[in-house]
Amino acid sequence: MKAHQFALSVTATPTAVTAARHRAVDAIEGWDAALSNEVVHTAELVISEFITNAVRHAAAGPVSLSVRLDEQSLRIEVCDDCPELPRPGLPDPCSESGRGLFLVAALADRYGVEPTVVGKCCWAEIALPANTDQPIVSPLVSQRSR
């Protein structure tokens, strides 16, 4: 499989979330990589959650998004200028927000956050199936319900 990469920088505004998500998904779907719908949809959700958090918490600087595909995984990185590191946990059932990183943790095979000189970079990796004929099964879907 050929490696692919997409990068984008957006201003920290609410409209940036939708635009960044659409542009990234269009790029991913345009790669000649035969990714399953599950991988693409998981990537779309992770991108949306990371960009939303960055826009919500970034001071004024740009938010950068990069997506990289190799033979083993799809890696998503979103960097912003906020030095505060997010702490994923169980969401409050009464809260209207706070579920994004919980969802990322449930759907991504690996995820994390790293401080940078000017803020932080959140990342997630979605493993690709060894056999492209086999779908990736979400940990949120039980085997019995399929």
N, C-alpha and C. Protein backbone atom coordinates (compact mmCIF):
# COMPACT_ATOMS: atom_id res chain seq x y z
N MET A 1 0.85 -1.18 0.00
CA MET A 1 0.00 0.00 0.00
C MET A 1 0.89 1.25 0.00
N LYS A 2 0.50 2.20 -0.78
CA LYS A 2 1.22 3.46 -0.87
C LYS A 2 0.90 4.32 0.35
N ALA A 3 1.91 4.98 0.92
CA ALA A 3 1.70 5.90 2.04
C ALA A 3 1.07 7.19 1.51
N HIS A 4 0.21 7.77 2.33
CA HIS A 4 -0.47 9.02 1.96
C HIS A 4 -0.41 9.97 3.14
N GLN A 5 -0.51 11.27 2.85
CA GLN A 5 -0.52 12.27 3.91
C GLN A 5 -1.38 13.46 3.49
N PHE A 6 -2.05 14.04 4.48
CA PHE A 6 -2.88 15.23 4.28
C PHE A 6 -2.59 16.16 5.45
N ALA A 7 -2.44 17.45 5.18
CA ALA A 7 -2.22 18.43 6.24
C ALA A 7 -3.02 19.68 5.95
N LEU A 8 -3.48 20.31 7.03
CA LEU A 8 -4.34 21.48 6.91
C LEU A 8 -4.17 22.33 8.16
N SER A 9 -4.19 23.62 7.99
CA SER A 9 -4.17 24.54 9.12
C SER A 9 -5.42 25.42 9.02
N VAL A 10 -6.14 25.56 10.14
CA VAL A 10 -7.37 26.35 10.16
C VAL A 10 -7.32 27.34 11.32
N THR A 11 -8.12 28.38 11.22
CA THR A 11 -8.25 29.30 12.33
C THR A 11 -9.16 28.68 13.39
N ALA A 12 -9.00 29.09 14.61
CA ALA A 12 -9.77 28.51 15.73
C ALA A 12 -11.16 29.12 15.79
N THR A 13 -12.00 28.76 14.82
CA THR A 13 -13.39 29.23 14.80
C THR A 13 -14.32 28.02 14.69
N PRO A 14 -15.55 28.16 15.15
CA PRO A 14 -16.48 27.03 15.06
C PRO A 14 -16.71 26.51 13.64
N THR A 15 -16.68 27.39 12.65
CA THR A 15 -16.89 26.92 11.27
C THR A 15 -15.72 26.09 10.76
N ALA A 16 -14.58 26.21 11.41
CA ALA A 16 -13.40 25.45 10.99
C ALA A 16 -13.59 23.96 11.19
N VAL A 17 -14.38 23.57 12.17
CA VAL A 17 -14.57 22.16 12.48
C VAL A 17 -15.17 21.43 11.28
N THR A 18 -16.28 21.91 10.78
CA THR A 18 -16.95 21.27 9.66
C THR A 18 -16.07 21.27 8.42
N ALA A 19 -15.46 22.41 8.13
CA ALA A 19 -14.62 22.52 6.93
C ALA A 19 -13.43 21.57 7.00
N ALA A 20 -12.76 21.51 8.14
CA ALA A 20 -11.60 20.63 8.30
C ALA A 20 -12.00 19.17 8.18
N ARG A 21 -13.10 18.80 8.82
CA ARG A 21 -13.57 17.41 8.78
C ARG A 21 -13.88 17.01 7.34
N HIS A 22 -14.62 17.85 6.62
CA HIS A 22 -15.00 17.53 5.24
C HIS A 22 -13.77 17.43 4.34
N ARG A 23 -12.85 18.36 4.47
CA ARG A 23 -11.66 18.34 3.61
C ARG A 23 -10.80 17.12 3.89
N ALA A 24 -10.66 16.76 5.17
CA ALA A 24 -9.84 15.60 5.52
C ALA A 24 -10.49 14.30 5.03
N VAL A 25 -11.79 14.15 5.24
CA VAL A 25 -12.47 12.94 4.80
C VAL A 25 -12.44 12.84 3.27
N ASP A 26 -12.63 13.96 2.58
CA ASP A 26 -12.53 13.95 1.12
C ASP A 26 -11.14 13.48 0.68
N ALA A 27 -10.10 13.95 1.37
CA ALA A 27 -8.73 13.54 1.03
C ALA A 27 -8.54 12.04 1.28
N ILE A 28 -9.00 11.56 2.43
CA ILE A 28 -8.87 10.14 2.78
C ILE A 28 -9.59 9.26 1.77
N GLU A 29 -10.82 9.66 1.42
CA GLU A 29 -11.59 8.88 0.45
C GLU A 29 -10.98 8.95 -0.94
N GLY A 30 -10.22 10.00 -1.23
CA GLY A 30 -9.58 10.15 -2.53
C GLY A 30 -8.30 9.34 -2.68
N TRP A 31 -7.76 8.87 -1.58
CA TRP A 31 -6.56 8.04 -1.67
C TRP A 31 -6.95 6.67 -2.25
N ASP A 32 -6.11 6.13 -3.05
CA ASP A 32 -6.37 4.81 -3.62
C ASP A 32 -5.90 3.76 -2.63
N ALA A 33 -6.63 3.67 -1.50
CA ALA A 33 -6.17 2.80 -0.42
C ALA A 33 -7.18 1.73 -0.02
N ALA A 34 -8.37 1.74 -0.59
CA ALA A 34 -9.40 0.74 -0.28
C ALA A 34 -9.64 0.60 1.21
N LEU A 35 -9.79 1.74 1.89
CA LEU A 35 -10.08 1.71 3.33
C LEU A 35 -11.54 1.33 3.55
N SER A 36 -11.80 0.58 4.60
CA SER A 36 -13.17 0.20 4.91
C SER A 36 -13.96 1.41 5.39
N ASN A 37 -15.28 1.31 5.29
CA ASN A 37 -16.15 2.38 5.79
C ASN A 37 -15.93 2.61 7.27
N GLU A 38 -15.66 1.54 8.02
CA GLU A 38 -15.44 1.68 9.46
C GLU A 38 -14.22 2.54 9.75
N VAL A 39 -13.15 2.34 9.01
CA VAL A 39 -11.94 3.14 9.21
C VAL A 39 -12.21 4.60 8.88
N VAL A 40 -12.88 4.85 7.76
CA VAL A 40 -13.16 6.23 7.34
C VAL A 40 -14.10 6.92 8.34
N HIS A 41 -15.14 6.23 8.79
CA HIS A 41 -16.08 6.83 9.74
C HIS A 41 -15.42 7.07 11.10
N THR A 42 -14.57 6.16 11.53
CA THR A 42 -13.84 6.36 12.79
C THR A 42 -12.91 7.56 12.66
N ALA A 43 -12.22 7.66 11.54
CA ALA A 43 -11.34 8.81 11.31
C ALA A 43 -12.13 10.11 11.32
N GLU A 44 -13.29 10.11 10.71
CA GLU A 44 -14.14 11.31 10.67
C GLU A 44 -14.54 11.75 12.08
N LEU A 45 -14.91 10.80 12.91
CA LEU A 45 -15.30 11.12 14.28
C LEU A 45 -14.11 11.64 15.08
N VAL A 46 -12.97 10.98 14.96
CA VAL A 46 -11.78 11.42 15.70
C VAL A 46 -11.36 12.82 15.26
N ILE A 47 -11.35 13.07 13.97
CA ILE A 47 -10.99 14.40 13.45
C ILE A 47 -11.95 15.44 14.01
N SER A 48 -13.23 15.16 13.96
CA SER A 48 -14.23 16.11 14.46
C SER A 48 -14.03 16.41 15.94
N GLU A 49 -13.82 15.38 16.74
CA GLU A 49 -13.65 15.59 18.18
C GLU A 49 -12.37 16.36 18.49
N PHE A 50 -11.27 15.99 17.84
CA PHE A 50 -10.00 16.68 18.09
C PHE A 50 -10.07 18.15 17.65
N ILE A 51 -10.61 18.40 16.46
CA ILE A 51 -10.70 19.78 15.98
C ILE A 51 -11.65 20.59 16.86
N THR A 52 -12.77 20.01 17.25
CA THR A 52 -13.72 20.72 18.13
C THR A 52 -13.04 21.12 19.43
N ASN A 53 -12.32 20.19 20.05
CA ASN A 53 -11.62 20.51 21.30
C ASN A 53 -10.56 21.58 21.09
N ALA A 54 -9.82 21.49 20.00
CA ALA A 54 -8.78 22.48 19.73
C ALA A 54 -9.38 23.86 19.53
N VAL A 55 -10.46 23.95 18.76
CA VAL A 55 -11.12 25.23 18.52
C VAL A 55 -11.68 25.79 19.82
N ARG A 56 -12.24 24.93 20.64
CA ARG A 56 -12.85 25.36 21.90
C ARG A 56 -11.80 25.87 22.89
N HIS A 57 -10.61 25.26 22.89
CA HIS A 57 -9.63 25.58 23.92
C HIS A 57 -8.42 26.38 23.42
N ALA A 58 -8.22 26.49 22.13
CA ALA A 58 -7.08 27.23 21.61
C ALA A 58 -7.26 28.72 21.88
N ALA A 59 -6.17 29.40 22.12
CA ALA A 59 -6.23 30.83 22.40
C ALA A 59 -6.58 31.58 21.12
N ALA A 60 -5.63 31.82 20.28
CA ALA A 60 -5.91 32.55 19.05
C ALA A 60 -5.16 31.97 17.87
N GLY A 61 -4.22 31.11 18.16
CA GLY A 61 -3.38 30.58 17.10
C GLY A 61 -4.09 29.60 16.20
N PRO A 62 -3.44 29.23 15.13
CA PRO A 62 -4.04 28.27 14.21
C PRO A 62 -4.09 26.86 14.82
N VAL A 63 -4.95 26.06 14.27
CA VAL A 63 -5.09 24.65 14.64
C VAL A 63 -4.61 23.86 13.42
N SER A 64 -3.70 22.94 13.64
CA SER A 64 -3.21 22.15 12.50
C SER A 64 -3.70 20.71 12.61
N LEU A 65 -4.04 20.17 11.47
CA LEU A 65 -4.51 18.80 11.35
C LEU A 65 -3.62 18.08 10.36
N SER A 66 -3.19 16.89 10.72
CA SER A 66 -2.49 16.05 9.75
C SER A 66 -3.02 14.63 9.87
N VAL A 67 -3.13 13.99 8.72
CA VAL A 67 -3.58 12.61 8.64
C VAL A 67 -2.55 11.87 7.79
N ARG A 68 -2.07 10.76 8.32
CA ARG A 68 -1.05 9.99 7.62
C ARG A 68 -1.46 8.52 7.57
N LEU A 69 -1.38 7.94 6.40
CA LEU A 69 -1.72 6.54 6.20
C LEU A 69 -0.48 5.78 5.78
N ASP A 70 -0.21 4.68 6.48
CA ASP A 70 0.83 3.76 6.04
C ASP A 70 0.22 2.37 5.98
N GLU A 71 1.03 1.36 5.85
CA GLU A 71 0.50 0.00 5.69
C GLU A 71 -0.18 -0.54 6.93
N GLN A 72 0.09 0.04 8.09
CA GLN A 72 -0.43 -0.51 9.33
C GLN A 72 -1.53 0.31 9.98
N SER A 73 -1.52 1.63 9.77
CA SER A 73 -2.50 2.45 10.48
C SER A 73 -2.75 3.78 9.80
N LEU A 74 -3.83 4.40 10.24
CA LEU A 74 -4.18 5.76 9.87
C LEU A 74 -3.96 6.59 11.12
N ARG A 75 -3.06 7.57 11.06
CA ARG A 75 -2.72 8.40 12.21
C ARG A 75 -3.26 9.80 12.00
N ILE A 76 -3.95 10.30 13.02
CA ILE A 76 -4.54 11.63 13.00
C ILE A 76 -3.87 12.45 14.09
N GLU A 77 -3.44 13.66 13.76
CA GLU A 77 -2.84 14.56 14.74
C GLU A 77 -3.48 15.93 14.62
N VAL A 78 -3.83 16.51 15.75
CA VAL A 78 -4.36 17.88 15.78
C VAL A 78 -3.56 18.63 16.84
N CYS A 79 -2.94 19.73 16.42
CA CYS A 79 -2.11 20.53 17.32
C CYS A 79 -2.71 21.92 17.46
N ASP A 80 -2.60 22.48 18.68
CA ASP A 80 -3.09 23.83 18.92
C ASP A 80 -2.15 24.53 19.90
N ASP A 81 -2.48 25.78 20.23
CA ASP A 81 -1.60 26.58 21.07
C ASP A 81 -1.98 26.58 22.55
N CYS A 82 -2.90 25.73 22.96
CA CYS A 82 -3.30 25.65 24.36
C CYS A 82 -2.40 24.65 25.08
N PRO A 83 -1.69 25.08 26.12
CA PRO A 83 -0.78 24.15 26.80
C PRO A 83 -1.48 23.16 27.73
N GLU A 84 -2.75 23.38 28.04
CA GLU A 84 -3.46 22.49 28.95
C GLU A 84 -3.72 21.15 28.26
N LEU A 85 -3.27 20.06 28.91
CA LEU A 85 -3.44 18.73 28.35
C LEU A 85 -4.81 18.18 28.75
N PRO A 86 -5.54 17.62 27.80
CA PRO A 86 -6.87 17.07 28.12
C PRO A 86 -6.73 15.81 28.97
N ARG A 87 -7.74 15.58 29.77
CA ARG A 87 -7.77 14.38 30.61
C ARG A 87 -9.07 13.62 30.31
N PRO A 88 -8.96 12.56 29.52
CA PRO A 88 -10.18 11.80 29.24
C PRO A 88 -10.66 11.07 30.48
N GLY A 89 -11.95 10.94 30.57
CA GLY A 89 -12.55 10.23 31.69
C GLY A 89 -13.97 9.88 31.34
N LEU A 90 -14.66 9.34 32.31
CA LEU A 90 -16.07 9.02 32.08
C LEU A 90 -16.87 10.31 32.01
N PRO A 91 -17.71 10.44 31.00
CA PRO A 91 -18.50 11.67 30.86
C PRO A 91 -19.60 11.74 31.91
N ASP A 92 -19.90 12.95 32.31
CA ASP A 92 -21.02 13.19 33.23
C ASP A 92 -22.31 12.97 32.43
N PRO A 93 -23.18 12.07 32.89
CA PRO A 93 -24.40 11.78 32.11
C PRO A 93 -25.32 12.97 31.93
N CYS A 94 -25.20 13.98 32.78
CA CYS A 94 -26.07 15.16 32.69
C CYS A 94 -25.44 16.29 31.87
N SER A 95 -24.19 16.15 31.51
CA SER A 95 -23.49 17.20 30.79
C SER A 95 -23.76 17.12 29.29
N GLU A 96 -23.79 18.29 28.65
CA GLU A 96 -24.00 18.34 27.20
C GLU A 96 -22.69 18.17 26.43
N SER A 97 -21.56 18.15 27.12
CA SER A 97 -20.28 17.97 26.45
C SER A 97 -19.39 17.06 27.30
N GLY A 98 -18.17 16.84 26.86
CA GLY A 98 -17.24 16.05 27.63
C GLY A 98 -17.14 14.59 27.22
N ARG A 99 -17.72 14.25 26.07
CA ARG A 99 -17.69 12.85 25.64
C ARG A 99 -16.69 12.58 24.53
N GLY A 100 -16.11 13.62 23.97
CA GLY A 100 -15.25 13.48 22.80
C GLY A 100 -14.06 12.57 23.01
N LEU A 101 -13.27 12.83 24.02
CA LEU A 101 -12.09 12.00 24.24
C LEU A 101 -12.46 10.60 24.72
N PHE A 102 -13.60 10.47 25.37
CA PHE A 102 -14.10 9.15 25.75
C PHE A 102 -14.38 8.33 24.49
N LEU A 103 -15.00 8.97 23.50
CA LEU A 103 -15.27 8.29 22.23
C LEU A 103 -13.98 7.97 21.48
N VAL A 104 -13.05 8.91 21.46
CA VAL A 104 -11.76 8.66 20.80
C VAL A 104 -11.07 7.46 21.45
N ALA A 105 -11.07 7.42 22.78
CA ALA A 105 -10.43 6.30 23.50
C ALA A 105 -11.11 4.97 23.16
N ALA A 106 -12.42 5.00 22.97
CA ALA A 106 -13.14 3.77 22.67
C ALA A 106 -12.93 3.30 21.23
N LEU A 107 -12.75 4.23 20.31
CA LEU A 107 -12.69 3.87 18.89
C LEU A 107 -11.27 3.71 18.34
N ALA A 108 -10.33 4.48 18.85
CA ALA A 108 -8.96 4.41 18.33
C ALA A 108 -8.21 3.24 18.96
N ASP A 109 -7.28 2.71 18.22
CA ASP A 109 -6.46 1.63 18.76
C ASP A 109 -5.38 2.16 19.70
N ARG A 110 -4.92 3.35 19.43
CA ARG A 110 -3.96 4.04 20.30
C ARG A 110 -4.26 5.53 20.23
N TYR A 111 -4.06 6.22 21.31
CA TYR A 111 -4.25 7.67 21.29
C TYR A 111 -3.41 8.28 22.40
N GLY A 112 -3.20 9.58 22.30
CA GLY A 112 -2.42 10.25 23.33
C GLY A 112 -2.37 11.74 23.06
N VAL A 113 -1.62 12.40 23.91
CA VAL A 113 -1.40 13.84 23.78
C VAL A 113 0.03 14.13 24.19
N GLU A 114 0.66 15.04 23.48
CA GLU A 114 2.04 15.41 23.77
C GLU A 114 2.15 16.92 23.83
N PRO A 115 2.82 17.43 24.86
CA PRO A 115 3.06 18.88 24.90
C PRO A 115 4.02 19.27 23.79
N THR A 116 3.83 20.47 23.27
CA THR A 116 4.74 21.02 22.27
C THR A 116 5.28 22.35 22.81
N VAL A 117 6.17 22.96 22.07
CA VAL A 117 6.75 24.23 22.49
C VAL A 117 5.68 25.31 22.66
N VAL A 118 4.66 25.27 21.81
CA VAL A 118 3.63 26.31 21.83
C VAL A 118 2.26 25.83 22.32
N GLY A 119 2.11 24.56 22.67
CA GLY A 119 0.80 24.06 23.09
C GLY A 119 0.81 22.56 23.26
N LYS A 120 0.00 21.89 22.44
CA LYS A 120 -0.08 20.42 22.53
C LYS A 120 -0.47 19.83 21.18
N CYS A 121 -0.27 18.53 21.09
CA CYS A 121 -0.65 17.78 19.90
C CYS A 121 -1.37 16.52 20.36
N CYS A 122 -2.64 16.38 19.99
CA CYS A 122 -3.43 15.18 20.29
C CYS A 122 -3.33 14.26 19.08
N TRP A 123 -3.19 12.98 19.32
CA TRP A 123 -3.06 12.04 18.22
C TRP A 123 -3.85 10.77 18.49
N ALA A 124 -4.22 10.11 17.41
CA ALA A 124 -4.92 8.82 17.50
C ALA A 124 -4.50 7.99 16.30
N GLU A 125 -4.42 6.69 16.53
CA GLU A 125 -4.11 5.76 15.45
C GLU A 125 -5.22 4.73 15.32
N ILE A 126 -5.62 4.50 14.09
CA ILE A 126 -6.63 3.50 13.78
C ILE A 126 -5.90 2.40 13.00
N ALA A 127 -5.83 1.22 13.59
CA ALA A 127 -5.13 0.11 12.95
C ALA A 127 -5.91 -0.36 11.74
N LEU A 128 -5.18 -0.73 10.71
CA LEU A 128 -5.80 -1.29 9.52
C LEU A 128 -5.79 -2.81 9.65
N PRO A 129 -6.84 -3.45 9.18
CA PRO A 129 -6.86 -4.92 9.27
C PRO A 129 -5.75 -5.51 8.41
N ALA A 130 -5.16 -6.59 8.89
CA ALA A 130 -4.10 -7.26 8.13
C ALA A 130 -4.64 -7.80 6.82
N ASN A 131 -5.86 -8.31 6.85
CA ASN A 131 -6.53 -8.81 5.67
C ASN A 131 -7.63 -7.81 5.33
N THR A 132 -7.51 -7.11 4.21
CA THR A 132 -8.46 -6.05 3.88
C THR A 132 -9.87 -6.57 3.63
N ASP A 133 -10.04 -7.89 3.55
CA ASP A 133 -11.38 -8.45 3.39
C ASP A 133 -12.13 -8.51 4.72
N GLN A 134 -11.42 -8.34 5.83
CA GLN A 134 -12.03 -8.41 7.15
C GLN A 134 -12.32 -7.01 7.67
N PRO A 135 -13.55 -6.71 8.07
CA PRO A 135 -13.86 -5.37 8.60
C PRO A 135 -13.26 -5.18 9.98
N ILE A 136 -12.98 -3.93 10.31
CA ILE A 136 -12.58 -3.60 11.67
C ILE A 136 -13.85 -3.56 12.51
N VAL A 137 -13.84 -4.22 13.63
CA VAL A 137 -15.01 -4.26 14.50
C VAL A 137 -14.81 -3.25 15.62
N SER A 138 -15.76 -2.37 15.77
CA SER A 138 -15.70 -1.36 16.82
C SER A 138 -15.84 -2.03 18.17
N PRO A 139 -15.07 -1.59 19.18
CA PRO A 139 -15.23 -2.14 20.52
C PRO A 139 -16.58 -1.80 21.12
N LEU A 140 -17.32 -0.87 20.52
CA LEU A 140 -18.61 -0.49 21.05
C LEU A 140 -19.74 -1.37 20.51
N VAL A 141 -19.42 -2.24 19.54
CA VAL A 141 -20.43 -3.11 18.96
C VAL A 141 -20.11 -4.54 19.38
N SER A 142 -21.05 -5.19 20.03
CA SER A 142 -20.79 -6.57 20.46
C SER A 142 -20.86 -7.50 19.26
N GLN A 143 -20.18 -8.60 19.36
CA GLN A 143 -20.17 -9.59 18.29
C GLN A 143 -21.56 -10.14 18.05
N ARG A 144 -22.38 -10.24 19.09
CA ARG A 144 -23.72 -10.80 18.96
C ARG A 144 -24.66 -9.91 18.16
N SER A 145 -24.43 -8.60 18.16
CA SER A 145 -25.34 -7.69 17.49
C SER A 145 -25.07 -7.60 15.99
N ARG A 146 -24.02 -8.24 15.51
CA ARG A 146 -23.69 -8.17 14.08
C ARG A 146 -24.32 -9.26 13.30
